[in-house]
Amino acid sequence: MTMRKIFSTLILIVIGIYSAIAQISVTATVGTLGPSTYTTLKEAFDAVNLGAHQGLITIQVTASTSEAASAVLNASGNGLASYTSITIYPTSSGLSISGNLAAPLIDFNSADFVTIDGRVDQTGTMPDLTIMNTSTSNVAATSTIRFIVDACDNTIRYCNLKGATTATTGGILYFAAGNLDQGS
């Protein structure tokens, strides 16, 4: 085998391994069009917040994720974030976005026009995506999905939502007031 063939084979193996561990795929109509891959929803939201993906954004959950920190999505126009709408959906059955956080698992920080559709490829009537924060913390704002600072025109449908917080100011779905967090 020539050195060139060995190098080409190694590159294909590395690409295959990286693709196998990527759980989130993002495409957009402006900026980095993609598909770009990430291991967590937080990483994908961070890229959107930094303006990498813009316009109409599609986020596909291709494998289950385990979030170690809150996946915060800022409003379009906050910092470098610039999107018209975001649609999130699974590409196969039985996938989940989960974590054990004494904080929101998913945090819509004034983010508008986001749809999480739990149906596989957005078809059928079966809820297939589970979104779950297993924390039993009583820390304020512990939640599975938090909507803060007038996050509106958002849709969560066909999802299995689960939470375990004991916080009196928290919950599975938590609607909160507050200041727009410029640092997330």
C-alpha atoms as a PDB file:
ATOM      1  CA  MET A   1       0.000   0.000   0.000  1.00  0.00           C
ATOM      2  CA  THR A   2       1.355   3.405  -0.907  1.00  0.00           C
ATOM      3  CA  MET A   3       1.802   6.138   1.636  1.00  0.00           C
ATOM      4  CA  ARG A   4      -0.934   8.146  -0.102  1.00  0.00           C
ATOM      5  CA  LYS A   5      -3.463   5.294   0.250  1.00  0.00           C
ATOM      6  CA  ILE A   6      -2.542   4.819   3.919  1.00  0.00           C
ATOM      7  CA  PHE A   7      -2.995   8.535   4.581  1.00  0.00           C
ATOM      8  CA  SER A   8      -6.346   8.586   2.736  1.00  0.00           C
ATOM      9  CA  THR A   9      -7.533   5.569   4.706  1.00  0.00           C
ATOM     10  CA  LEU A  10      -6.545   7.192   8.006  1.00  0.00           C
ATOM     11  CA  ILE A  11      -8.406  10.390   7.088  1.00  0.00           C
ATOM     12  CA  LEU A  12     -11.564   8.393   6.306  1.00  0.00           C
ATOM     13  CA  ILE A  13     -11.276   6.521   9.619  1.00  0.00           C
ATOM     14  CA  VAL A  14     -10.916   9.791  11.572  1.00  0.00           C
ATOM     15  CA  ILE A  15     -13.918  11.302   9.759  1.00  0.00           C
ATOM     16  CA  GLY A  16     -15.930   8.147  10.473  1.00  0.00           C
ATOM     17  CA  ILE A  17     -15.029   8.175  14.169  1.00  0.00           C
ATOM     18  CA  TYR A  18     -15.874  11.892  14.495  1.00  0.00           C
ATOM     19  CA  SER A  19     -19.205  11.373  12.712  1.00  0.00           C
ATOM     20  CA  ALA A  20     -19.988   8.442  14.987  1.00  0.00           C
ATOM     21  CA  ILE A  21     -19.631  10.564  18.128  1.00  0.00           C
ATOM     22  CA  ALA A  22     -21.499  13.617  16.808  1.00  0.00           C
ATOM     23  CA  GLN A  23     -25.027  13.661  18.206  1.00  0.00           C
ATOM     24  CA  ILE A  24     -26.211  17.001  16.819  1.00  0.00           C
ATOM     25  CA  SER A  25     -26.165  18.167  13.189  1.00  0.00           C
ATOM     26  CA  VAL A  26     -26.807  21.821  12.309  1.00  0.00           C
ATOM     27  CA  THR A  27     -27.624  23.330   8.931  1.00  0.00           C
ATOM     28  CA  ALA A  28     -28.397  26.975   8.184  1.00  0.00           C
ATOM     29  CA  THR A  29     -29.240  29.212   5.248  1.00  0.00           C
ATOM     30  CA  VAL A  30     -26.644  31.899   6.142  1.00  0.00           C
ATOM     31  CA  GLY A  31     -23.202  31.788   7.732  1.00  0.00           C
ATOM     32  CA  THR A  32     -21.771  28.301   8.157  1.00  0.00           C
ATOM     33  CA  LEU A  33     -24.318  26.344   6.139  1.00  0.00           C
ATOM     34  CA  GLY A  34     -23.273  22.938   7.395  1.00  0.00           C
ATOM     35  CA  PRO A  35     -23.999  20.331   8.130  1.00  0.00           C
ATOM     36  CA  SER A  36     -21.859  21.025  11.177  1.00  0.00           C
ATOM     37  CA  THR A  37     -21.738  18.438  13.932  1.00  0.00           C
ATOM     38  CA  TYR A  38     -21.607  18.785  17.707  1.00  0.00           C
ATOM     39  CA  THR A  39     -21.653  16.353  20.630  1.00  0.00           C
ATOM     40  CA  THR A  40     -24.211  18.323  22.686  1.00  0.00           C
ATOM     41  CA  LEU A  41     -27.115  20.682  22.137  1.00  0.00           C
ATOM     42  CA  LYS A  42     -25.199  23.225  24.241  1.00  0.00           C
ATOM     43  CA  GLU A  43     -22.329  23.223  21.732  1.00  0.00           C
ATOM     44  CA  ALA A  44     -24.789  23.749  18.868  1.00  0.00           C
ATOM     45  CA  PHE A  45     -26.537  26.615  20.702  1.00  0.00           C
ATOM     46  CA  ASP A  46     -23.139  28.156  21.530  1.00  0.00           C
ATOM     47  CA  ALA A  47     -22.307  28.174  17.794  1.00  0.00           C
ATOM     48  CA  VAL A  48     -25.653  29.847  17.014  1.00  0.00           C
ATOM     49  CA  ASN A  49     -25.071  32.409  19.785  1.00  0.00           C
ATOM     50  CA  LEU A  50     -21.659  33.199  18.261  1.00  0.00           C
ATOM     51  CA  GLY A  51     -23.240  33.759  14.825  1.00  0.00           C
ATOM     52  CA  ALA A  52     -21.731  30.715  13.104  1.00  0.00           C
ATOM     53  CA  HIS A  53     -25.156  29.515  11.902  1.00  0.00           C
ATOM     54  CA  GLN A  54     -27.712  32.122  10.809  1.00  0.00           C
ATOM     55  CA  GLY A  55     -31.006  32.498   8.984  1.00  0.00           C
ATOM     56  CA  LEU A  56     -33.290  29.472   9.011  1.00  0.00           C
ATOM     57  CA  ILE A  57     -31.550  26.917  11.224  1.00  0.00           C
ATOM     58  CA  THR A  58     -32.272  23.205  11.445  1.00  0.00           C
ATOM     59  CA  ILE A  59     -30.862  21.172  14.322  1.00  0.00           C
ATOM     60  CA  GLN A  60     -31.122  17.403  13.983  1.00  0.00           C
ATOM     61  CA  VAL A  61     -30.660  15.149  17.003  1.00  0.00           C
ATOM     62  CA  THR A  62     -28.908  12.128  15.469  1.00  0.00           C
ATOM     63  CA  ALA A  63     -28.020  10.377  18.757  1.00  0.00           C
ATOM     64  CA  SER A  64     -28.854  10.912  22.416  1.00  0.00           C
ATOM     65  CA  THR A  65     -26.972  13.671  24.222  1.00  0.00           C
ATOM     66  CA  SER A  66     -25.918  14.044  27.831  1.00  0.00           C
ATOM     67  CA  GLU A  67     -25.706  17.741  28.666  1.00  0.00           C
ATOM     68  CA  ALA A  68     -23.138  18.711  31.326  1.00  0.00           C
ATOM     69  CA  ALA A  69     -24.221  22.373  31.343  1.00  0.00           C
ATOM     70  CA  SER A  70     -27.322  24.343  30.357  1.00  0.00           C
ATOM     71  CA  ALA A  71     -27.958  24.610  26.620  1.00  0.00           C
ATOM     72  CA  VAL A  72     -28.658  28.355  26.447  1.00  0.00           C
ATOM     73  CA  LEU A  73     -30.075  29.883  23.273  1.00  0.00           C
ATOM     74  CA  ASN A  74     -30.011  33.667  23.163  1.00  0.00           C
ATOM     75  CA  ALA A  75     -32.381  35.878  21.210  1.00  0.00           C
ATOM     76  CA  SER A  76     -31.600  36.676  17.617  1.00  0.00           C
ATOM     77  CA  GLY A  77     -29.949  40.099  17.700  1.00  0.00           C
ATOM     78  CA  ASN A  78     -28.375  39.453  21.114  1.00  0.00           C
ATOM     79  CA  GLY A  79     -24.646  39.576  20.472  1.00  0.00           C
ATOM     80  CA  LEU A  80     -23.791  37.800  17.224  1.00  0.00           C
ATOM     81  CA  ALA A  81     -26.865  35.518  17.175  1.00  0.00           C
ATOM     82  CA  SER A  82     -28.852  36.114  13.985  1.00  0.00           C
ATOM     83  CA  TYR A  83     -31.601  33.698  13.034  1.00  0.00           C
ATOM     84  CA  THR A  84     -35.131  33.788  11.679  1.00  0.00           C
ATOM     85  CA  SER A  85     -36.246  30.490  13.171  1.00  0.00           C
ATOM     86  CA  ILE A  86     -34.808  27.285  14.585  1.00  0.00           C
ATOM     87  CA  THR A  87     -36.298  23.809  14.219  1.00  0.00           C
ATOM     88  CA  ILE A  88     -35.014  20.907  16.331  1.00  0.00           C
ATOM     89  CA  TYR A  89     -36.023  17.277  15.715  1.00  0.00           C
ATOM     90  CA  PRO A  90     -34.714  13.687  16.050  1.00  0.00           C
ATOM     91  CA  THR A  91     -33.670  11.592  13.060  1.00  0.00           C
ATOM     92  CA  SER A  92     -34.441   8.233  14.672  1.00  0.00           C
ATOM     93  CA  SER A  93     -36.685   6.819  17.361  1.00  0.00           C
ATOM     94  CA  GLY A  94     -35.866   6.680  21.068  1.00  0.00           C
ATOM     95  CA  LEU A  95     -33.425   9.601  21.289  1.00  0.00           C
ATOM     96  CA  SER A  96     -33.051  11.904  24.284  1.00  0.00           C
ATOM     97  CA  ILE A  97     -31.521  15.166  25.418  1.00  0.00           C
ATOM     98  CA  SER A  98     -30.800  14.692  29.098  1.00  0.00           C
ATOM     99  CA  GLY A  99     -28.769  15.916  32.013  1.00  0.00           C
ATOM    100  CA  ASN A 100     -28.646  16.160  35.778  1.00  0.00           C
ATOM    101  CA  LEU A 101     -28.390  19.923  36.277  1.00  0.00           C
ATOM    102  CA  ALA A 102     -29.334  22.138  39.211  1.00  0.00           C
ATOM    103  CA  ALA A 103     -30.218  24.657  36.489  1.00  0.00           C
ATOM    104  CA  PRO A 104     -32.289  24.677  33.296  1.00  0.00           C
ATOM    105  CA  LEU A 105     -31.384  21.851  30.916  1.00  0.00           C
ATOM    106  CA  ILE A 106     -32.536  23.945  27.937  1.00  0.00           C
ATOM    107  CA  ASP A 107     -32.754  27.703  28.451  1.00  0.00           C
ATOM    108  CA  PHE A 108     -34.493  29.965  25.946  1.00  0.00           C
ATOM    109  CA  ASN A 109     -32.985  33.323  26.926  1.00  0.00           C
ATOM    110  CA  SER A 110     -35.435  35.647  25.131  1.00  0.00           C
ATOM    111  CA  ALA A 111     -35.181  33.289  22.149  1.00  0.00           C
ATOM    112  CA  ASP A 112     -38.184  33.392  19.817  1.00  0.00           C
ATOM    113  CA  PHE A 113     -39.419  31.247  16.917  1.00  0.00           C
ATOM    114  CA  VAL A 114     -37.909  27.964  18.096  1.00  0.00           C
ATOM    115  CA  THR A 115     -39.712  24.673  17.484  1.00  0.00           C
ATOM    116  CA  ILE A 116     -38.754  21.409  19.124  1.00  0.00           C
ATOM    117  CA  ASP A 117     -40.625  18.676  17.250  1.00  0.00           C
ATOM    118  CA  GLY A 118     -40.128  15.275  18.877  1.00  0.00           C
ATOM    119  CA  ARG A 119     -41.325  13.262  15.873  1.00  0.00           C
ATOM    120  CA  VAL A 120     -38.717  11.390  13.826  1.00  0.00           C
ATOM    121  CA  ASP A 121     -37.953  13.636  10.840  1.00  0.00           C
ATOM    122  CA  GLN A 122     -41.020  15.711  11.826  1.00  0.00           C
ATOM    123  CA  THR A 123     -43.461  13.138  10.461  1.00  0.00           C
ATOM    124  CA  GLY A 124     -46.187  10.999  11.991  1.00  0.00           C
ATOM    125  CA  THR A 125     -47.902  11.433  15.334  1.00  0.00           C
ATOM    126  CA  MET A 126     -45.584   9.525  17.674  1.00  0.00           C
ATOM    127  CA  PRO A 127     -43.587  11.485  20.283  1.00  0.00           C
ATOM    128  CA  ASP A 128     -40.055  10.070  20.030  1.00  0.00           C
ATOM    129  CA  LEU A 129     -37.727  12.653  21.589  1.00  0.00           C
ATOM    130  CA  THR A 130     -37.341  12.653  25.370  1.00  0.00           C
ATOM    131  CA  ILE A 131     -36.052  15.807  27.051  1.00  0.00           C
ATOM    132  CA  MET A 132     -35.184  15.123  30.681  1.00  0.00           C
ATOM    133  CA  ASN A 133     -33.482  16.866  33.600  1.00  0.00           C
ATOM    134  CA  THR A 134     -33.066  14.258  36.344  1.00  0.00           C
ATOM    135  CA  SER A 135     -31.916  16.732  39.028  1.00  0.00           C
ATOM    136  CA  THR A 136     -33.938  16.669  42.249  1.00  0.00           C
ATOM    137  CA  SER A 137     -32.314  19.941  43.311  1.00  0.00           C
ATOM    138  CA  ASN A 138     -34.348  22.633  45.022  1.00  0.00           C
ATOM    139  CA  VAL A 139     -32.140  25.365  43.513  1.00  0.00           C
ATOM    140  CA  ALA A 140     -34.251  28.108  41.904  1.00  0.00           C
ATOM    141  CA  ALA A 141     -34.767  27.781  38.120  1.00  0.00           C
ATOM    142  CA  THR A 142     -33.935  24.079  38.022  1.00  0.00           C
ATOM    143  CA  SER A 143     -36.035  22.933  35.096  1.00  0.00           C
ATOM    144  CA  THR A 144     -36.130  20.864  31.955  1.00  0.00           C
ATOM    145  CA  ILE A 145     -36.948  23.816  29.668  1.00  0.00           C
ATOM    146  CA  ARG A 146     -36.947  27.424  30.865  1.00  0.00           C
ATOM    147  CA  PHE A 147     -38.423  30.340  28.942  1.00  0.00           C
ATOM    148  CA  ILE A 148     -36.990  33.616  30.263  1.00  0.00           C
ATOM    149  CA  VAL A 149     -37.153  37.311  29.348  1.00  0.00           C
ATOM    150  CA  ASP A 150     -40.236  37.120  27.150  1.00  0.00           C
ATOM    151  CA  ALA A 151     -39.128  34.118  25.102  1.00  0.00           C
ATOM    152  CA  CYS A 152     -42.194  33.713  22.896  1.00  0.00           C
ATOM    153  CA  ASP A 153     -43.544  32.166  19.702  1.00  0.00           C
ATOM    154  CA  ASN A 154     -41.850  28.887  20.650  1.00  0.00           C
ATOM    155  CA  THR A 155     -43.368  25.449  20.141  1.00  0.00           C
ATOM    156  CA  ILE A 156     -42.611  22.208  21.958  1.00  0.00           C
ATOM    157  CA  ARG A 157     -44.579  19.324  20.431  1.00  0.00           C
ATOM    158  CA  TYR A 158     -44.507  15.537  20.312  1.00  0.00           C
ATOM    159  CA  CYS A 159     -41.851  15.402  23.059  1.00  0.00           C
ATOM    160  CA  ASN A 160     -41.687  13.388  26.257  1.00  0.00           C
ATOM    161  CA  LEU A 161     -40.764  15.996  28.881  1.00  0.00           C
ATOM    162  CA  LYS A 162     -39.481  14.803  32.243  1.00  0.00           C
ATOM    163  CA  GLY A 163     -38.085  16.496  35.311  1.00  0.00           C
ATOM    164  CA  ALA A 164     -37.523  15.858  39.004  1.00  0.00           C
ATOM    165  CA  THR A 165     -36.801  19.254  40.588  1.00  0.00           C
ATOM    166  CA  THR A 166     -38.127  20.086  44.032  1.00  0.00           C
ATOM    167  CA  ALA A 167     -37.606  23.837  43.512  1.00  0.00           C
ATOM    168  CA  THR A 168     -40.673  25.986  44.108  1.00  0.00           C
ATOM    169  CA  THR A 169     -39.406  28.351  41.401  1.00  0.00           C
ATOM    170  CA  GLY A 170     -38.652  25.743  38.776  1.00  0.00           C
ATOM    171  CA  GLY A 171     -40.386  22.867  37.058  1.00  0.00           C
ATOM    172  CA  ILE A 172     -40.449  20.779  33.922  1.00  0.00           C
ATOM    173  CA  LEU A 173     -41.500  23.836  31.912  1.00  0.00           C
ATOM    174  CA  TYR A 174     -40.602  27.048  33.701  1.00  0.00           C
ATOM    175  CA  PHE A 175     -41.674  30.499  32.544  1.00  0.00           C
ATOM    176  CA  ALA A 176     -39.575  33.181  34.236  1.00  0.00           C
ATOM    177  CA  ALA A 177     -38.981  36.899  34.128  1.00  0.00           C
ATOM    178  CA  GLY A 178     -35.483  38.281  34.295  1.00  0.00           C
ATOM    179  CA  ASN A 179     -32.793  40.228  32.525  1.00  0.00           C
ATOM    180  CA  LEU A 180     -31.368  39.242  29.178  1.00  0.00           C
ATOM    181  CA  ASP A 181     -28.130  37.418  29.996  1.00  0.00           C
ATOM    182  CA  GLN A 182     -25.527  38.860  27.635  1.00  0.00           C
ATOM    183  CA  GLY A 183     -22.859  36.424  28.800  1.00  0.00           C
ATOM    184  CA  SER A 184     -24.395  33.064  27.869  1.00  0.00           C
END
